[in-house]
Amino acid sequence: MKKLLIASVVALAACGEAPKPETPEVEPVSTEVMLALSIANSIEAHPASVDSVLLGNGLTRSGFDSLLYRIAEDSVLSAQYTARRR
């Protein structure tokens, strides 16, 4: 029994640490994208309060349109927005 215990300890020590699962790297998201996502989600949740949502975020309808166009023109920002908007 003692030999089995020693053999088990030696076997466990030889195995070392279990490999850690790989976690995908999360790339940082632009503040413009985060703002646009926050506004879009709020508008979706409260469609009757569009102007209030925009004003609360310091934007007008045309300012929000401009923000979305800037994101759409940049492939990295567009990919970030699309990936998180789904």
N, C-alpha and C. Protein backbone atom coordinates (compact mmCIF):
# COMPACT_ATOMS: atom_id res chain seq x y z
N MET A 1 0.82 -1.19 0.00
CA MET A 1 0.00 0.00 0.00
C MET A 1 0.87 1.25 0.00
N LYS A 2 1.96 1.21 0.80
CA LYS A 2 2.85 2.35 0.88
C LYS A 2 3.52 2.59 -0.47
N LYS A 3 3.88 1.49 -1.17
CA LYS A 3 4.51 1.62 -2.49
C LYS A 3 3.55 2.25 -3.50
N LEU A 4 2.26 1.91 -3.40
CA LEU A 4 1.25 2.46 -4.29
C LEU A 4 1.10 3.96 -4.06
N LEU A 5 1.13 4.36 -2.81
CA LEU A 5 1.02 5.77 -2.47
C LEU A 5 2.22 6.55 -3.00
N ILE A 6 3.39 6.00 -2.82
CA ILE A 6 4.61 6.66 -3.31
C ILE A 6 4.58 6.72 -4.84
N ALA A 7 4.15 5.65 -5.47
CA ALA A 7 4.08 5.64 -6.92
C ALA A 7 3.08 6.68 -7.43
N SER A 8 1.98 6.84 -6.72
CA SER A 8 0.97 7.83 -7.10
C SER A 8 1.52 9.24 -6.97
N VAL A 9 2.24 9.50 -5.90
CA VAL A 9 2.83 10.83 -5.68
C VAL A 9 3.86 11.13 -6.76
N VAL A 10 4.68 10.16 -7.08
CA VAL A 10 5.70 10.33 -8.12
C VAL A 10 5.03 10.57 -9.48
N ALA A 11 3.98 9.82 -9.76
CA ALA A 11 3.28 9.96 -11.04
C ALA A 11 2.65 11.35 -11.15
N LEU A 12 2.04 11.81 -10.07
CA LEU A 12 1.43 13.14 -10.09
C LEU A 12 2.47 14.23 -10.24
N ALA A 13 3.60 14.08 -9.58
CA ALA A 13 4.67 15.06 -9.68
C ALA A 13 5.24 15.11 -11.09
N ALA A 14 5.30 13.97 -11.73
CA ALA A 14 5.84 13.92 -13.09
C ALA A 14 4.90 14.59 -14.09
N CYS A 15 3.63 14.55 -13.80
CA CYS A 15 2.67 15.17 -14.72
C CYS A 15 2.78 16.68 -14.72
N GLY A 16 3.17 17.23 -13.61
CA GLY A 16 3.28 18.68 -13.54
C GLY A 16 1.91 19.33 -13.48
N GLU A 17 1.90 20.58 -13.80
CA GLU A 17 0.67 21.35 -13.74
C GLU A 17 -0.18 21.06 -14.97
N ALA A 18 -1.46 21.00 -14.77
CA ALA A 18 -2.37 20.78 -15.89
C ALA A 18 -2.33 22.01 -16.79
N PRO A 19 -2.37 21.79 -18.09
CA PRO A 19 -2.34 22.94 -19.00
C PRO A 19 -3.58 23.82 -18.80
N LYS A 20 -3.36 25.12 -18.82
CA LYS A 20 -4.47 26.05 -18.65
C LYS A 20 -5.16 26.24 -19.99
N PRO A 21 -6.48 26.31 -19.96
CA PRO A 21 -7.17 26.51 -21.23
C PRO A 21 -6.82 27.88 -21.80
N GLU A 22 -6.66 27.90 -23.10
CA GLU A 22 -6.31 29.16 -23.75
C GLU A 22 -7.53 30.06 -23.78
N THR A 23 -7.32 31.30 -23.39
CA THR A 23 -8.40 32.26 -23.47
C THR A 23 -8.12 33.19 -24.64
N PRO A 24 -9.12 33.44 -25.44
CA PRO A 24 -8.88 34.32 -26.58
C PRO A 24 -8.58 35.72 -26.11
N GLU A 25 -7.65 36.35 -26.80
CA GLU A 25 -7.30 37.72 -26.45
C GLU A 25 -8.42 38.64 -26.89
N VAL A 26 -8.81 39.50 -25.99
CA VAL A 26 -9.87 40.45 -26.30
C VAL A 26 -9.20 41.77 -26.65
N GLU A 27 -9.44 42.20 -27.87
CA GLU A 27 -8.82 43.46 -28.25
C GLU A 27 -9.64 44.61 -27.70
N PRO A 28 -8.96 45.69 -27.37
CA PRO A 28 -9.68 46.83 -26.80
C PRO A 28 -10.66 47.42 -27.81
N VAL A 29 -11.72 47.97 -27.28
CA VAL A 29 -12.76 48.55 -28.13
C VAL A 29 -12.64 50.07 -28.05
N SER A 30 -12.76 50.70 -29.18
CA SER A 30 -12.69 52.15 -29.26
C SER A 30 -13.78 52.80 -28.41
N THR A 31 -13.46 53.96 -27.84
CA THR A 31 -14.46 54.69 -27.05
C THR A 31 -15.61 55.14 -27.94
N GLU A 32 -15.31 55.46 -29.21
CA GLU A 32 -16.38 55.84 -30.14
C GLU A 32 -17.35 54.68 -30.35
N VAL A 33 -16.80 53.48 -30.49
CA VAL A 33 -17.63 52.29 -30.69
C VAL A 33 -18.46 52.02 -29.44
N MET A 34 -17.84 52.14 -28.28
CA MET A 34 -18.57 51.91 -27.03
C MET A 34 -19.72 52.91 -26.88
N LEU A 35 -19.48 54.17 -27.24
CA LEU A 35 -20.51 55.19 -27.17
C LEU A 35 -21.65 54.86 -28.13
N ALA A 36 -21.30 54.52 -29.37
CA ALA A 36 -22.32 54.19 -30.36
C ALA A 36 -23.13 52.98 -29.94
N LEU A 37 -22.49 51.98 -29.39
CA LEU A 37 -23.19 50.78 -28.93
C LEU A 37 -24.13 51.11 -27.78
N SER A 38 -23.66 51.90 -26.85
CA SER A 38 -24.49 52.28 -25.71
C SER A 38 -25.73 53.04 -26.17
N ILE A 39 -25.54 53.97 -27.08
CA ILE A 39 -26.67 54.75 -27.59
C ILE A 39 -27.62 53.86 -28.38
N ALA A 40 -27.08 53.02 -29.24
CA ALA A 40 -27.94 52.13 -30.05
C ALA A 40 -28.76 51.20 -29.17
N ASN A 41 -28.13 50.66 -28.14
CA ASN A 41 -28.86 49.77 -27.22
C ASN A 41 -29.94 50.52 -26.45
N SER A 42 -29.63 51.75 -26.03
CA SER A 42 -30.62 52.55 -25.31
C SER A 42 -31.79 52.93 -26.21
N ILE A 43 -31.50 53.29 -27.45
CA ILE A 43 -32.56 53.64 -28.40
C ILE A 43 -33.43 52.43 -28.68
N GLU A 44 -32.80 51.28 -28.82
CA GLU A 44 -33.54 50.06 -29.07
C GLU A 44 -34.47 49.74 -27.89
N ALA A 45 -33.99 49.99 -26.69
CA ALA A 45 -34.79 49.70 -25.49
C ALA A 45 -35.89 50.75 -25.26
N HIS A 46 -35.64 51.98 -25.70
CA HIS A 46 -36.58 53.08 -25.48
C HIS A 46 -36.76 53.89 -26.76
N PRO A 47 -37.39 53.33 -27.77
CA PRO A 47 -37.49 54.01 -29.07
C PRO A 47 -38.24 55.34 -29.03
N ALA A 48 -39.09 55.53 -28.08
CA ALA A 48 -39.83 56.80 -27.99
C ALA A 48 -38.98 57.91 -27.38
N SER A 49 -37.82 57.57 -26.85
CA SER A 49 -36.98 58.55 -26.16
C SER A 49 -35.66 58.82 -26.88
N VAL A 50 -35.69 58.76 -28.20
CA VAL A 50 -34.45 58.91 -28.98
C VAL A 50 -33.73 60.20 -28.64
N ASP A 51 -34.44 61.33 -28.69
CA ASP A 51 -33.79 62.61 -28.44
C ASP A 51 -33.24 62.72 -27.02
N SER A 52 -33.95 62.16 -26.05
CA SER A 52 -33.47 62.17 -24.67
C SER A 52 -32.20 61.33 -24.52
N VAL A 53 -32.20 60.18 -25.16
CA VAL A 53 -31.01 59.30 -25.11
C VAL A 53 -29.82 60.02 -25.73
N LEU A 54 -30.03 60.62 -26.89
CA LEU A 54 -28.94 61.32 -27.56
C LEU A 54 -28.45 62.50 -26.73
N LEU A 55 -29.37 63.29 -26.22
CA LEU A 55 -29.00 64.45 -25.42
C LEU A 55 -28.24 64.02 -24.16
N GLY A 56 -28.67 62.94 -23.56
CA GLY A 56 -27.99 62.41 -22.38
C GLY A 56 -26.56 61.99 -22.66
N ASN A 57 -26.27 61.72 -23.93
CA ASN A 57 -24.91 61.33 -24.33
C ASN A 57 -24.19 62.46 -25.06
N GLY A 58 -24.78 63.66 -25.00
CA GLY A 58 -24.12 64.83 -25.59
C GLY A 58 -24.16 64.87 -27.10
N LEU A 59 -25.15 64.23 -27.71
CA LEU A 59 -25.25 64.20 -29.17
C LEU A 59 -26.63 64.63 -29.65
N THR A 60 -26.67 65.02 -30.90
CA THR A 60 -27.93 65.26 -31.59
C THR A 60 -28.11 64.12 -32.57
N ARG A 61 -29.23 64.14 -33.30
CA ARG A 61 -29.43 63.10 -34.32
C ARG A 61 -28.33 63.17 -35.38
N SER A 62 -28.00 64.36 -35.81
CA SER A 62 -26.95 64.49 -36.84
C SER A 62 -25.58 64.11 -36.27
N GLY A 63 -25.35 64.41 -34.99
CA GLY A 63 -24.09 64.02 -34.36
C GLY A 63 -23.96 62.51 -34.26
N PHE A 64 -25.07 61.84 -33.96
CA PHE A 64 -25.05 60.37 -33.89
C PHE A 64 -24.84 59.78 -35.28
N ASP A 65 -25.49 60.38 -36.29
CA ASP A 65 -25.26 59.93 -37.67
C ASP A 65 -23.79 60.07 -38.05
N SER A 66 -23.19 61.19 -37.69
CA SER A 66 -21.77 61.41 -38.00
C SER A 66 -20.89 60.38 -37.32
N LEU A 67 -21.21 60.07 -36.08
CA LEU A 67 -20.46 59.05 -35.33
C LEU A 67 -20.56 57.70 -36.04
N LEU A 68 -21.76 57.33 -36.45
CA LEU A 68 -21.94 56.05 -37.15
C LEU A 68 -21.21 56.03 -38.49
N TYR A 69 -21.19 57.16 -39.20
CA TYR A 69 -20.46 57.22 -40.46
C TYR A 69 -18.95 57.09 -40.23
N ARG A 70 -18.42 57.73 -39.17
CA ARG A 70 -16.99 57.59 -38.86
C ARG A 70 -16.65 56.13 -38.58
N ILE A 71 -17.52 55.46 -37.85
CA ILE A 71 -17.28 54.04 -37.54
C ILE A 71 -17.36 53.21 -38.81
N ALA A 72 -18.33 53.49 -39.66
CA ALA A 72 -18.51 52.72 -40.90
C ALA A 72 -17.34 52.90 -41.87
N GLU A 73 -16.71 54.06 -41.85
CA GLU A 73 -15.60 54.34 -42.76
C GLU A 73 -14.30 53.66 -42.34
N ASP A 74 -14.20 53.25 -41.10
CA ASP A 74 -12.99 52.62 -40.58
C ASP A 74 -13.25 51.13 -40.41
N SER A 75 -12.50 50.31 -41.11
CA SER A 75 -12.75 48.86 -41.10
C SER A 75 -12.58 48.24 -39.71
N VAL A 76 -11.62 48.72 -38.94
CA VAL A 76 -11.41 48.18 -37.59
C VAL A 76 -12.58 48.55 -36.68
N LEU A 77 -12.96 49.82 -36.71
CA LEU A 77 -14.08 50.27 -35.87
C LEU A 77 -15.38 49.60 -36.29
N SER A 78 -15.55 49.46 -37.60
CA SER A 78 -16.76 48.81 -38.12
C SER A 78 -16.84 47.36 -37.66
N ALA A 79 -15.72 46.67 -37.69
CA ALA A 79 -15.69 45.28 -37.24
C ALA A 79 -15.99 45.18 -35.74
N GLN A 80 -15.44 46.11 -34.95
CA GLN A 80 -15.71 46.12 -33.52
C GLN A 80 -17.20 46.34 -33.26
N TYR A 81 -17.77 47.30 -33.95
CA TYR A 81 -19.19 47.63 -33.76
C TYR A 81 -20.07 46.43 -34.15
N THR A 82 -19.80 45.87 -35.31
CA THR A 82 -20.60 44.76 -35.82
C THR A 82 -20.52 43.55 -34.90
N ALA A 83 -19.33 43.25 -34.42
CA ALA A 83 -19.13 42.08 -33.56
C ALA A 83 -19.89 42.21 -32.24
N ARG A 84 -20.00 43.41 -31.74
CA ARG A 84 -20.65 43.61 -30.45
C ARG A 84 -22.11 43.98 -30.54
N ARG A 85 -22.58 44.31 -31.70
CA ARG A 85 -23.97 44.70 -31.88
C ARG A 85 -24.88 43.51 -32.12
N ARG A 86 -24.34 42.39 -32.46
CA ARG A 86 -25.15 41.20 -32.77
C ARG A 86 -25.95 40.73 -31.61
